[in-house]
């Protein structure tokens, strides 16, 4: 089941909620958000470097992906 739709939160979700709940200002909320964004950006960069190093991703593949359309198509109503 999708974690967002579940009534039970995992420990990571609870930690994030408690962290944001304890923020006392908009500045603290912004700082927490930036920390999370920085964390996931770092993880993404590490994965991209791994893919580049093992040859899964290279300039040729990037050029191929540049023209791809990845959005979910709208269904005709």
PDB file of N, CA and C in Angstrom:
ATOM      1  N   UNK A   1       0.838  -1.178   0.000  1.00  0.00           N
ATOM      2  CA  UNK A   1       0.000   0.000   0.000  1.00  0.00           C
ATOM      3  C   UNK A   1       0.882   1.240   0.000  1.00  0.00           C
ATOM      4  N   UNK A   2       0.483   2.249  -0.707  1.00  0.00           N
ATOM      5  CA  UNK A   2       1.212   3.504  -0.778  1.00  0.00           C
ATOM      6  C   UNK A   2       1.309   4.125   0.612  1.00  0.00           C
ATOM      7  N   UNK A   3       2.530   4.507   1.032  1.00  0.00           N
ATOM      8  CA  UNK A   3       2.743   5.055   2.374  1.00  0.00           C
ATOM      9  C   UNK A   3       1.926   6.319   2.607  1.00  0.00           C
ATOM     10  N   UNK A   4       1.704   7.100   1.568  1.00  0.00           N
ATOM     11  CA  UNK A   4       0.934   8.339   1.720  1.00  0.00           C
ATOM     12  C   UNK A   4      -0.521   8.019   2.061  1.00  0.00           C
ATOM     13  N   UNK A   5      -1.028   6.922   1.545  1.00  0.00           N
ATOM     14  CA  UNK A   5      -2.425   6.570   1.769  1.00  0.00           C
ATOM     15  C   UNK A   5      -2.627   5.729   3.025  1.00  0.00           C
ATOM     16  N   UNK A   6      -1.571   5.263   3.605  1.00  0.00           N
ATOM     17  CA  UNK A   6      -1.654   4.412   4.781  1.00  0.00           C
ATOM     18  C   UNK A   6      -1.981   5.231   6.024  1.00  0.00           C
ATOM     19  N   UNK A   7      -2.704   4.628   6.968  1.00  0.00           N
ATOM     20  CA  UNK A   7      -3.015   5.297   8.231  1.00  0.00           C
ATOM     21  C   UNK A   7      -1.863   5.213   9.218  1.00  0.00           C
ATOM     22  N   UNK A   8      -0.887   4.364   8.946  1.00  0.00           N
ATOM     23  CA  UNK A   8       0.244   4.172   9.842  1.00  0.00           C
ATOM     24  C   UNK A   8       1.479   4.797   9.215  1.00  0.00           C
ATOM     25  N   UNK A   9       2.142   5.651   9.986  1.00  0.00           N
ATOM     26  CA  UNK A   9       3.357   6.287   9.483  1.00  0.00           C
ATOM     27  C   UNK A   9       4.578   5.508   9.947  1.00  0.00           C
ATOM     28  N   UNK A  10       5.585   5.490   9.084  1.00  0.00           N
ATOM     29  CA  UNK A  10       6.820   4.822   9.454  1.00  0.00           C
ATOM     30  C   UNK A  10       7.670   5.771  10.324  1.00  0.00           C
ATOM     31  N   UNK A  11       8.729   5.267  10.947  1.00  0.00           N
ATOM     32  CA  UNK A  11       9.535   6.103  11.843  1.00  0.00           C
ATOM     33  C   UNK A  11      10.127   7.344  11.166  1.00  0.00           C
ATOM     34  N   UNK A  12      10.509   7.240   9.906  1.00  0.00           N
ATOM     35  CA  UNK A  12      11.067   8.401   9.209  1.00  0.00           C
ATOM     36  C   UNK A  12      10.011   9.493   9.044  1.00  0.00           C
ATOM     37  N   UNK A  13       8.791   9.090   8.694  1.00  0.00           N
ATOM     38  CA  UNK A  13       7.717  10.061   8.550  1.00  0.00           C
ATOM     39  C   UNK A  13       7.403  10.740   9.878  1.00  0.00           C
ATOM     40  N   UNK A  14       7.383   9.963  10.942  1.00  0.00           N
ATOM     41  CA  UNK A  14       7.117  10.536  12.266  1.00  0.00           C
ATOM     42  C   UNK A  14       8.222  11.509  12.675  1.00  0.00           C
ATOM     43  N   UNK A  15       9.479  11.161  12.401  1.00  0.00           N
ATOM     44  CA  UNK A  15      10.583  12.041  12.742  1.00  0.00           C
ATOM     45  C   UNK A  15      10.474  13.370  12.004  1.00  0.00           C
ATOM     46  N   UNK A  16      10.131  13.302  10.720  1.00  0.00           N
ATOM     47  CA  UNK A  16      10.003  14.532   9.937  1.00  0.00           C
ATOM     48  C   UNK A  16       8.840  15.374  10.441  1.00  0.00           C
ATOM     49  N   UNK A  17       7.715  14.748  10.714  1.00  0.00           N
ATOM     50  CA  UNK A  17       6.561  15.497  11.234  1.00  0.00           C
ATOM     51  C   UNK A  17       6.904  16.145  12.563  1.00  0.00           C
ATOM     52  N   UNK A  18       7.537  15.399  13.454  1.00  0.00           N
ATOM     53  CA  UNK A  18       7.907  15.964  14.751  1.00  0.00           C
ATOM     54  C   UNK A  18       8.913  17.100  14.600  1.00  0.00           C
ATOM     55  N   UNK A  19       9.836  16.975  13.662  1.00  0.00           N
ATOM     56  CA  UNK A  19      10.817  18.036  13.433  1.00  0.00           C
ATOM     57  C   UNK A  19      10.136  19.309  12.946  1.00  0.00           C
ATOM     58  N   UNK A  20       9.238  19.164  11.988  1.00  0.00           N
ATOM     59  CA  UNK A  20       8.545  20.334  11.472  1.00  0.00           C
ATOM     60  C   UNK A  20       7.581  20.908  12.515  1.00  0.00           C
ATOM     61  N   UNK A  21       6.986  20.051  13.320  1.00  0.00           N
ATOM     62  CA  UNK A  21       6.052  20.524  14.345  1.00  0.00           C
ATOM     63  C   UNK A  21       6.759  21.335  15.424  1.00  0.00           C
ATOM     64  N   UNK A  22       8.030  21.029  15.667  1.00  0.00           N
ATOM     65  CA  UNK A  22       8.746  21.747  16.712  1.00  0.00           C
ATOM     66  C   UNK A  22       9.357  23.054  16.224  1.00  0.00           C
ATOM     67  N   UNK A  23       9.292  23.318  14.931  1.00  0.00           N
ATOM     68  CA  UNK A  23       9.821  24.576  14.397  1.00  0.00           C
ATOM     69  C   UNK A  23       8.990  25.734  14.935  1.00  0.00           C
ATOM     70  N   UNK A  24       9.680  26.782  15.348  1.00  0.00           N
ATOM     71  CA  UNK A  24       8.981  27.914  15.971  1.00  0.00           C
ATOM     72  C   UNK A  24       8.854  29.121  15.057  1.00  0.00           C
ATOM     73  N   UNK A  25       9.410  29.043  13.866  1.00  0.00           N
ATOM     74  CA  UNK A  25       9.332  30.186  12.951  1.00  0.00           C
ATOM     75  C   UNK A  25       9.382  29.703  11.508  1.00  0.00           C
ATOM     76  N   UNK A  26       9.017  30.605  10.624  1.00  0.00           N
ATOM     77  CA  UNK A  26       9.097  30.289   9.202  1.00  0.00           C
ATOM     78  C   UNK A  26      10.541  30.034   8.799  1.00  0.00           C
ATOM     79  N   UNK A  27      11.470  30.753   9.424  1.00  0.00           N
ATOM     80  CA  UNK A  27      12.888  30.566   9.119  1.00  0.00           C
ATOM     81  C   UNK A  27      13.325  29.139   9.446  1.00  0.00           C
ATOM     82  N   UNK A  28      12.888  28.623  10.594  1.00  0.00           N
ATOM     83  CA  UNK A  28      13.229  27.243  10.954  1.00  0.00           C
ATOM     84  C   UNK A  28      12.619  26.247   9.980  1.00  0.00           C
ATOM     85  N   UNK A  29      11.379  26.490   9.570  1.00  0.00           N
ATOM     86  CA  UNK A  29      10.742  25.613   8.580  1.00  0.00           C
ATOM     87  C   UNK A  29      11.524  25.623   7.272  1.00  0.00           C
ATOM     88  N   UNK A  30      11.930  26.807   6.848  1.00  0.00           N
ATOM     89  CA  UNK A  30      12.708  26.927   5.618  1.00  0.00           C
ATOM     90  C   UNK A  30      14.044  26.188   5.736  1.00  0.00           C
ATOM     91  N   UNK A  31      14.683  26.306   6.900  1.00  0.00           N
ATOM     92  CA  UNK A  31      15.960  25.627   7.115  1.00  0.00           C
ATOM     93  C   UNK A  31      15.792  24.107   7.102  1.00  0.00           C
ATOM     94  N   UNK A  32      14.737  23.603   7.733  1.00  0.00           N
ATOM     95  CA  UNK A  32      14.463  22.161   7.719  1.00  0.00           C
ATOM     96  C   UNK A  32      14.202  21.672   6.299  1.00  0.00           C
ATOM     97  N   UNK A  33      13.401  22.431   5.564  1.00  0.00           N
ATOM     98  CA  UNK A  33      13.114  22.072   4.171  1.00  0.00           C
ATOM     99  C   UNK A  33      14.404  22.032   3.360  1.00  0.00           C
ATOM    100  N   UNK A  34      15.251  23.049   3.547  1.00  0.00           N
ATOM    101  CA  UNK A  34      16.517  23.096   2.814  1.00  0.00           C
ATOM    102  C   UNK A  34      17.421  21.925   3.169  1.00  0.00           C
ATOM    103  N   UNK A  35      17.422  21.519   4.442  1.00  0.00           N
ATOM    104  CA  UNK A  35      18.218  20.360   4.847  1.00  0.00           C
ATOM    105  C   UNK A  35      17.749  19.097   4.132  1.00  0.00           C
ATOM    106  N   UNK A  36      16.440  18.902   4.071  1.00  0.00           N
ATOM    107  CA  UNK A  36      15.904  17.731   3.373  1.00  0.00           C
ATOM    108  C   UNK A  36      16.222  17.775   1.881  1.00  0.00           C
ATOM    109  N   UNK A  37      16.071  18.948   1.277  1.00  0.00           N
ATOM    110  CA  UNK A  37      16.379  19.083  -0.142  1.00  0.00           C
ATOM    111  C   UNK A  37      17.859  18.818  -0.406  1.00  0.00           C
ATOM    112  N   UNK A  38      18.727  19.343   0.459  1.00  0.00           N
ATOM    113  CA  UNK A  38      20.166  19.108   0.304  1.00  0.00           C
ATOM    114  C   UNK A  38      20.496  17.626   0.437  1.00  0.00           C
ATOM    115  N   UNK A  39      19.855  16.953   1.387  1.00  0.00           N
ATOM    116  CA  UNK A  39      20.094  15.524   1.586  1.00  0.00           C
ATOM    117  C   UNK A  39      19.735  14.736   0.326  1.00  0.00           C
ATOM    118  N   UNK A  40      18.535  14.973  -0.203  1.00  0.00           N
ATOM    119  CA  UNK A  40      18.105  14.216  -1.376  1.00  0.00           C
ATOM    120  C   UNK A  40      18.883  14.615  -2.626  1.00  0.00           C
ATOM    121  N   UNK A  41      19.305  15.864  -2.709  1.00  0.00           N
ATOM    122  CA  UNK A  41      20.159  16.278  -3.820  1.00  0.00           C
ATOM    123  C   UNK A  41      21.495  15.543  -3.760  1.00  0.00           C
ATOM    124  N   UNK A  42      22.071  15.415  -2.567  1.00  0.00           N
ATOM    125  CA  UNK A  42      23.329  14.689  -2.403  1.00  0.00           C
ATOM    126  C   UNK A  42      23.165  13.229  -2.815  1.00  0.00           C
ATOM    127  N   UNK A  43      22.069  12.590  -2.387  1.00  0.00           N
ATOM    128  CA  UNK A  43      21.823  11.196  -2.755  1.00  0.00           C
ATOM    129  C   UNK A  43      21.666  11.051  -4.268  1.00  0.00           C
ATOM    130  N   UNK A  44      20.973  11.981  -4.888  1.00  0.00           N
ATOM    131  CA  UNK A  44      20.800  11.944  -6.335  1.00  0.00           C
ATOM    132  C   UNK A  44      22.142  12.094  -7.042  1.00  0.00           C
ATOM    133  N   UNK A  45      22.969  13.027  -6.587  1.00  0.00           N
ATOM    134  CA  UNK A  45      24.285  13.215  -7.198  1.00  0.00           C
ATOM    135  C   UNK A  45      25.147  11.967  -7.057  1.00  0.00           C
ATOM    136  N   UNK A  46      25.088  11.325  -5.889  1.00  0.00           N
ATOM    137  CA  UNK A  46      25.850  10.088  -5.676  1.00  0.00           C
ATOM    138  C   UNK A  46      25.392   8.991  -6.639  1.00  0.00           C
ATOM    139  N   UNK A  47      24.090   8.871  -6.821  1.00  0.00           N
ATOM    140  CA  UNK A  47      23.565   7.848  -7.729  1.00  0.00           C
ATOM    141  C   UNK A  47      23.946   8.153  -9.177  1.00  0.00           C
ATOM    142  N   UNK A  48      23.874   9.413  -9.559  1.00  0.00           N
ATOM    143  CA  UNK A  48      24.282   9.781 -10.917  1.00  0.00           C
ATOM    144  C   UNK A  48      25.761   9.486 -11.146  1.00  0.00           C
ATOM    145  N   UNK A  49      26.593   9.770 -10.159  1.00  0.00           N
ATOM    146  CA  UNK A  49      28.022   9.467 -10.281  1.00  0.00           C
ATOM    147  C   UNK A  49      28.257   7.963 -10.398  1.00  0.00           C
ATOM    148  N   UNK A  50      27.502   7.180  -9.637  1.00  0.00           N
ATOM    149  CA  UNK A  50      27.628   5.725  -9.710  1.00  0.00           C
ATOM    150  C   UNK A  50      27.229   5.225 -11.089  1.00  0.00           C
ATOM    151  N   UNK A  51      26.113   5.729 -11.612  1.00  0.00           N
ATOM    152  CA  UNK A  51      25.654   5.316 -12.934  1.00  0.00           C
ATOM    153  C   UNK A  51      26.650   5.716 -14.018  1.00  0.00           C
ATOM    154  N   UNK A  52      27.250   6.887 -13.868  1.00  0.00           N
ATOM    155  CA  UNK A  52      28.242   7.344 -14.844  1.00  0.00           C
ATOM    156  C   UNK A  52      29.487   6.458 -14.767  1.00  0.00           C
ATOM    157  N   UNK A  53      29.923   6.158 -13.535  1.00  0.00           N
ATOM    158  CA  UNK A  53      31.143   5.360 -13.336  1.00  0.00           C
ATOM    159  C   UNK A  53      30.982   3.938 -13.869  1.00  0.00           C
ATOM    160  N   UNK A  54      29.780   3.356 -13.714  1.00  0.00           N
ATOM    161  CA  UNK A  54      29.625   1.971 -14.179  1.00  0.00           C
ATOM    162  C   UNK A  54      29.173   1.881 -15.641  1.00  0.00           C
ATOM    163  N   UNK A  55      29.027   3.021 -16.292  1.00  0.00           N
ATOM    164  CA  UNK A  55      28.712   3.033 -17.714  1.00  0.00           C
ATOM    165  C   UNK A  55      27.240   2.979 -18.053  1.00  0.00           C
ATOM    166  N   UNK A  56      26.377   2.895 -17.049  1.00  0.00           N
ATOM    167  CA  UNK A  56      24.938   2.877 -17.306  1.00  0.00           C
ATOM    168  C   UNK A  56      24.486   4.195 -17.920  1.00  0.00           C
ATOM    169  N   UNK A  57      25.107   5.275 -17.490  1.00  0.00           N
ATOM    170  CA  UNK A  57      24.771   6.610 -17.976  1.00  0.00           C
ATOM    171  C   UNK A  57      26.015   7.201 -18.622  1.00  0.00           C
ATOM    172  N   UNK A  58      25.842   7.704 -19.834  1.00  0.00           N
ATOM    173  CA  UNK A  58      26.940   8.377 -20.521  1.00  0.00           C
ATOM    174  C   UNK A  58      26.343   9.480 -21.388  1.00  0.00           C
ATOM    175  N   UNK A  59      27.197  10.224 -22.069  1.00  0.00           N
ATOM    176  CA  UNK A  59      26.705  11.346 -22.857  1.00  0.00           C
ATOM    177  C   UNK A  59      25.735  10.905 -23.946  1.00  0.00           C
ATOM    178  N   UNK A  60      25.997   9.752 -24.550  1.00  0.00           N
ATOM    179  CA  UNK A  60      25.094   9.250 -25.589  1.00  0.00           C
ATOM    180  C   UNK A  60      23.699   9.007 -25.010  1.00  0.00           C
ATOM    181  N   UNK A  61      23.642   8.361 -23.835  1.00  0.00           N
ATOM    182  CA  UNK A  61      22.345   8.083 -23.202  1.00  0.00           C
ATOM    183  C   UNK A  61      21.648   9.374 -22.785  1.00  0.00           C
ATOM    184  N   UNK A  62      22.411  10.348 -22.274  1.00  0.00           N
ATOM    185  CA  UNK A  62      21.822  11.643 -21.924  1.00  0.00           C
ATOM    186  C   UNK A  62      21.211  12.310 -23.153  1.00  0.00           C
ATOM    187  N   UNK A  63      21.918  12.239 -24.267  1.00  0.00           N
ATOM    188  CA  UNK A  63      21.393  12.824 -25.510  1.00  0.00           C
ATOM    189  C   UNK A  63      20.109  12.123 -25.947  1.00  0.00           C
ATOM    190  N   UNK A  64      20.040  10.798 -25.769  1.00  0.00           N
ATOM    191  CA  UNK A  64      18.822  10.056 -26.106  1.00  0.00           C
ATOM    192  C   UNK A  64      17.659  10.476 -25.205  1.00  0.00           C
ATOM    193  N   UNK A  65      17.947  10.650 -23.915  1.00  0.00           N
ATOM    194  CA  UNK A  65      16.892  11.003 -22.961  1.00  0.00           C
ATOM    195  C   UNK A  65      16.386  12.430 -23.141  1.00  0.00           C
ATOM    196  N   UNK A  66      17.214  13.280 -23.714  1.00  0.00           N
ATOM    197  CA  UNK A  66      16.851  14.691 -23.846  1.00  0.00           C
ATOM    198  C   UNK A  66      15.544  14.880 -24.607  1.00  0.00           C
ATOM    199  N   UNK A  67      15.278  14.037 -25.578  1.00  0.00           N
ATOM    200  CA  UNK A  67      14.076  14.183 -26.380  1.00  0.00           C
ATOM    201  C   UNK A  67      12.881  13.391 -25.881  1.00  0.00           C
ATOM    202  N   UNK A  68      13.050  12.638 -24.797  1.00  0.00           N
ATOM    203  CA  UNK A  68      11.969  11.787 -24.285  1.00  0.00           C
ATOM    204  C   UNK A  68      10.911  12.603 -23.543  1.00  0.00           C
ATOM    205  N   UNK A  69       9.701  12.078 -23.571  1.00  0.00           N
ATOM    206  CA  UNK A  69       8.573  12.672 -22.856  1.00  0.00           C
ATOM    207  C   UNK A  69       8.181  11.703 -21.742  1.00  0.00           C
ATOM    208  N   UNK A  70       8.377  12.113 -20.484  1.00  0.00           N
ATOM    209  CA  UNK A  70       8.166  11.204 -19.358  1.00  0.00           C
ATOM    210  C   UNK A  70       6.901  11.495 -18.562  1.00  0.00           C
ATOM    211  N   UNK A  71       6.186  12.528 -18.879  1.00  0.00           N
ATOM    212  CA  UNK A  71       4.959  12.817 -18.140  1.00  0.00           C
ATOM    213  C   UNK A  71       3.895  11.790 -18.459  1.00  0.00           C
ATOM    214  N   UNK A  72       3.048  11.538 -17.495  1.00  0.00           N
ATOM    215  CA  UNK A  72       1.935  10.626 -17.701  1.00  0.00           C
ATOM    216  C   UNK A  72       0.955  11.297 -18.665  1.00  0.00           C
ATOM    217  N   UNK A  73       0.592  10.614 -19.741  1.00  0.00           N
ATOM    218  CA  UNK A  73      -0.349  11.249 -20.691  1.00  0.00           C
ATOM    219  C   UNK A  73      -1.722  11.422 -20.047  1.00  0.00           C
ATOM    220  N   UNK A  74      -2.359  12.498 -20.424  1.00  0.00           N
ATOM    221  CA  UNK A  74      -3.727  12.734 -19.954  1.00  0.00           C
ATOM    222  C   UNK A  74      -4.665  11.755 -20.635  1.00  0.00           C
ATOM    223  N   UNK A  75      -5.633  11.284 -19.881  1.00  0.00           N
ATOM    224  CA  UNK A  75      -6.617  10.382 -20.470  1.00  0.00           C
ATOM    225  C   UNK A  75      -7.704  11.206 -21.127  1.00  0.00           C
ATOM    226  N   UNK A  76      -8.153  10.732 -22.288  1.00  0.00           N
ATOM    227  CA  UNK A  76      -9.259  11.404 -22.961  1.00  0.00           C
ATOM    228  C   UNK A  76     -10.514  11.229 -22.138  1.00  0.00           C
ATOM    229  N   UNK A  77     -11.227  12.299 -22.003  1.00  0.00           N
ATOM    230  CA  UNK A  77     -12.455  12.262 -21.187  1.00  0.00           C
ATOM    231  C   UNK A  77     -13.653  12.013 -22.060  1.00  0.00           C
TER     232      UNK A  77
END
